[in-house]
Amino acid sequence: MVPFEALYGRRCRTPLCWYESGERVILGPEIVQETTEKIRMIREKMRTSQSRLKSYHDKRRKDLEFQEGDH
């Protein structure tokens, strides 16, 4: 069972489900192109955010040195 089903008690309706259930008007070349573009933008923003967080962390990182007997 996926989290959506556990939370809402039903299957999640995706564009693929709409196509299967006969709502063919919703799934056209435009919505596929729009969805693909949104996914690309989301991935790009995630990469940018991860890079920003990494550089922030790397600037504040301190090398740790341990001596024998340290606890």
N, C-alpha and C. Protein backbone atom coordinates (compact mmCIF):
# COMPACT_ATOMS: atom_id res chain seq x y z
N MET A 1 0.85 -1.17 0.00
CA MET A 1 0.00 0.00 0.00
C MET A 1 0.90 1.24 0.00
N VAL A 2 0.57 2.17 -0.83
CA VAL A 2 1.35 3.41 -0.91
C VAL A 2 0.82 4.41 0.13
N PRO A 3 1.63 5.39 0.53
CA PRO A 3 1.20 6.35 1.57
C PRO A 3 -0.11 7.07 1.24
N PHE A 4 -0.32 7.43 -0.02
CA PHE A 4 -1.56 8.12 -0.39
C PHE A 4 -2.77 7.26 -0.07
N GLU A 5 -2.70 5.97 -0.43
CA GLU A 5 -3.82 5.06 -0.16
C GLU A 5 -4.06 4.92 1.34
N ALA A 6 -2.98 4.83 2.11
CA ALA A 6 -3.13 4.70 3.56
C ALA A 6 -3.77 5.94 4.17
N LEU A 7 -3.41 7.11 3.66
CA LEU A 7 -3.92 8.35 4.22
C LEU A 7 -5.36 8.63 3.81
N TYR A 8 -5.66 8.45 2.51
CA TYR A 8 -6.98 8.83 1.99
C TYR A 8 -7.93 7.66 1.73
N GLY A 9 -7.43 6.44 1.82
CA GLY A 9 -8.29 5.28 1.64
C GLY A 9 -8.70 5.01 0.21
N ARG A 10 -8.01 5.58 -0.74
CA ARG A 10 -8.30 5.34 -2.16
C ARG A 10 -7.02 5.52 -2.96
N ARG A 11 -7.05 5.05 -4.21
CA ARG A 11 -5.88 5.20 -5.08
C ARG A 11 -5.76 6.64 -5.56
N CYS A 12 -4.55 7.06 -5.77
CA CYS A 12 -4.28 8.40 -6.27
C CYS A 12 -4.57 8.44 -7.77
N ARG A 13 -5.28 9.48 -8.21
CA ARG A 13 -5.58 9.62 -9.64
C ARG A 13 -4.49 10.45 -10.30
N THR A 14 -3.83 9.85 -11.25
CA THR A 14 -2.76 10.51 -12.00
C THR A 14 -3.23 10.66 -13.44
N PRO A 15 -2.50 11.42 -14.26
CA PRO A 15 -2.89 11.52 -15.68
C PRO A 15 -3.02 10.15 -16.35
N LEU A 16 -2.22 9.17 -15.94
CA LEU A 16 -2.36 7.84 -16.51
C LEU A 16 -3.69 7.21 -16.13
N CYS A 17 -4.13 7.42 -14.89
CA CYS A 17 -5.43 6.90 -14.46
C CYS A 17 -6.55 7.57 -15.24
N TRP A 18 -6.43 8.86 -15.51
CA TRP A 18 -7.46 9.56 -16.26
C TRP A 18 -7.58 8.97 -17.66
N TYR A 19 -6.46 8.64 -18.22
CA TYR A 19 -6.46 8.06 -19.57
C TYR A 19 -7.17 6.71 -19.56
N GLU A 20 -6.89 5.91 -18.54
CA GLU A 20 -7.50 4.59 -18.44
C GLU A 20 -9.00 4.68 -18.19
N SER A 21 -9.45 5.68 -17.44
CA SER A 21 -10.86 5.76 -17.09
C SER A 21 -11.69 6.48 -18.15
N GLY A 22 -11.08 6.89 -19.24
CA GLY A 22 -11.84 7.46 -20.33
C GLY A 22 -11.84 8.97 -20.42
N GLU A 23 -11.19 9.66 -19.53
CA GLU A 23 -11.14 11.12 -19.59
C GLU A 23 -10.01 11.53 -20.53
N ARG A 24 -10.16 11.22 -21.79
CA ARG A 24 -9.10 11.42 -22.77
C ARG A 24 -8.85 12.89 -23.07
N VAL A 25 -9.80 13.74 -22.82
CA VAL A 25 -9.62 15.16 -23.10
C VAL A 25 -8.51 15.74 -22.22
N ILE A 26 -8.42 15.26 -20.99
CA ILE A 26 -7.45 15.78 -20.04
C ILE A 26 -6.02 15.41 -20.46
N LEU A 27 -5.84 14.21 -20.99
CA LEU A 27 -4.51 13.76 -21.35
C LEU A 27 -4.27 14.00 -22.83
N GLY A 28 -3.72 15.12 -23.14
CA GLY A 28 -3.38 15.44 -24.51
C GLY A 28 -1.91 15.80 -24.59
N PRO A 29 -1.44 16.07 -25.78
CA PRO A 29 -0.03 16.43 -25.93
C PRO A 29 0.36 17.66 -25.11
N GLU A 30 -0.58 18.58 -24.92
CA GLU A 30 -0.27 19.79 -24.16
C GLU A 30 0.02 19.48 -22.70
N ILE A 31 -0.82 18.64 -22.08
CA ILE A 31 -0.61 18.34 -20.66
C ILE A 31 0.65 17.51 -20.46
N VAL A 32 0.95 16.64 -21.41
CA VAL A 32 2.18 15.85 -21.31
C VAL A 32 3.39 16.77 -21.40
N GLN A 33 3.37 17.69 -22.34
CA GLN A 33 4.47 18.65 -22.50
C GLN A 33 4.60 19.53 -21.26
N GLU A 34 3.46 20.00 -20.75
CA GLU A 34 3.46 20.86 -19.56
C GLU A 34 4.01 20.12 -18.35
N THR A 35 3.59 18.88 -18.17
CA THR A 35 4.07 18.07 -17.05
C THR A 35 5.56 17.81 -17.16
N THR A 36 6.02 17.48 -18.35
CA THR A 36 7.44 17.24 -18.58
C THR A 36 8.26 18.48 -18.26
N GLU A 37 7.77 19.63 -18.68
CA GLU A 37 8.47 20.89 -18.41
C GLU A 37 8.51 21.19 -16.91
N LYS A 38 7.40 20.95 -16.20
CA LYS A 38 7.37 21.18 -14.76
C LYS A 38 8.34 20.26 -14.04
N ILE A 39 8.42 19.01 -14.46
CA ILE A 39 9.35 18.06 -13.85
C ILE A 39 10.78 18.52 -14.06
N ARG A 40 11.09 18.99 -15.27
CA ARG A 40 12.43 19.49 -15.57
C ARG A 40 12.77 20.69 -14.67
N MET A 41 11.82 21.60 -14.52
CA MET A 41 12.05 22.79 -13.68
C MET A 41 12.25 22.40 -12.22
N ILE A 42 11.45 21.47 -11.73
CA ILE A 42 11.57 21.02 -10.34
C ILE A 42 12.94 20.40 -10.10
N ARG A 43 13.38 19.54 -11.03
CA ARG A 43 14.70 18.92 -10.88
C ARG A 43 15.81 19.96 -10.89
N GLU A 44 15.70 20.94 -11.76
CA GLU A 44 16.69 22.01 -11.84
C GLU A 44 16.74 22.81 -10.54
N LYS A 45 15.57 23.13 -9.99
CA LYS A 45 15.53 23.89 -8.73
C LYS A 45 16.07 23.07 -7.56
N MET A 46 15.81 21.75 -7.58
CA MET A 46 16.35 20.89 -6.54
C MET A 46 17.88 20.85 -6.60
N ARG A 47 18.43 20.74 -7.82
CA ARG A 47 19.88 20.74 -7.98
C ARG A 47 20.48 22.05 -7.48
N THR A 48 19.85 23.16 -7.82
CA THR A 48 20.32 24.48 -7.38
C THR A 48 20.30 24.58 -5.86
N SER A 49 19.21 24.13 -5.27
CA SER A 49 19.07 24.18 -3.82
C SER A 49 20.11 23.30 -3.13
N GLN A 50 20.31 22.09 -3.65
CA GLN A 50 21.30 21.19 -3.07
C GLN A 50 22.70 21.77 -3.17
N SER A 51 23.00 22.39 -4.29
CA SER A 51 24.31 23.01 -4.48
C SER A 51 24.51 24.16 -3.49
N ARG A 52 23.48 24.97 -3.31
CA ARG A 52 23.56 26.09 -2.38
C ARG A 52 23.77 25.59 -0.95
N LEU A 53 23.03 24.56 -0.56
CA LEU A 53 23.19 24.02 0.79
C LEU A 53 24.56 23.40 0.99
N LYS A 54 25.07 22.72 -0.04
CA LYS A 54 26.39 22.11 0.05
C LYS A 54 27.47 23.17 0.22
N SER A 55 27.40 24.24 -0.56
CA SER A 55 28.42 25.28 -0.44
C SER A 55 28.32 25.98 0.92
N TYR A 56 27.11 26.18 1.42
CA TYR A 56 26.92 26.77 2.75
C TYR A 56 27.56 25.89 3.82
N HIS A 57 27.31 24.60 3.72
CA HIS A 57 27.86 23.66 4.70
C HIS A 57 29.39 23.59 4.58
N ASP A 58 29.91 23.52 3.37
CA ASP A 58 31.35 23.40 3.16
C ASP A 58 32.11 24.61 3.69
N LYS A 59 31.52 25.81 3.60
CA LYS A 59 32.19 27.01 4.10
C LYS A 59 32.35 26.96 5.61
N ARG A 60 31.41 26.36 6.30
CA ARG A 60 31.41 26.35 7.76
C ARG A 60 31.99 25.07 8.35
N ARG A 61 32.47 24.19 7.50
CA ARG A 61 33.00 22.91 7.96
C ARG A 61 34.36 23.12 8.62
N LYS A 62 34.58 22.42 9.72
CA LYS A 62 35.86 22.48 10.42
C LYS A 62 36.46 21.08 10.44
N ASP A 63 37.75 20.99 10.17
CA ASP A 63 38.42 19.70 10.27
C ASP A 63 38.55 19.33 11.74
N LEU A 64 38.24 18.11 12.04
CA LEU A 64 38.35 17.62 13.41
C LEU A 64 39.61 16.77 13.53
N GLU A 65 40.32 16.97 14.59
CA GLU A 65 41.50 16.16 14.86
C GLU A 65 41.32 15.49 16.21
N PHE A 66 41.59 14.21 16.22
CA PHE A 66 41.45 13.44 17.45
C PHE A 66 42.83 12.95 17.87
N GLN A 67 43.06 12.99 19.15
CA GLN A 67 44.29 12.47 19.73
C GLN A 67 43.97 11.14 20.41
N GLU A 68 44.98 10.32 20.52
CA GLU A 68 44.81 9.04 21.19
C GLU A 68 44.37 9.30 22.63
N GLY A 69 43.33 8.62 23.05
CA GLY A 69 42.83 8.78 24.40
C GLY A 69 41.67 9.77 24.52
N ASP A 70 41.33 10.48 23.45
CA ASP A 70 40.19 11.39 23.48
C ASP A 70 38.90 10.59 23.62
N HIS A 71 37.95 11.18 24.33
CA HIS A 71 36.65 10.50 24.50
C HIS A 71 35.60 11.29 23.81
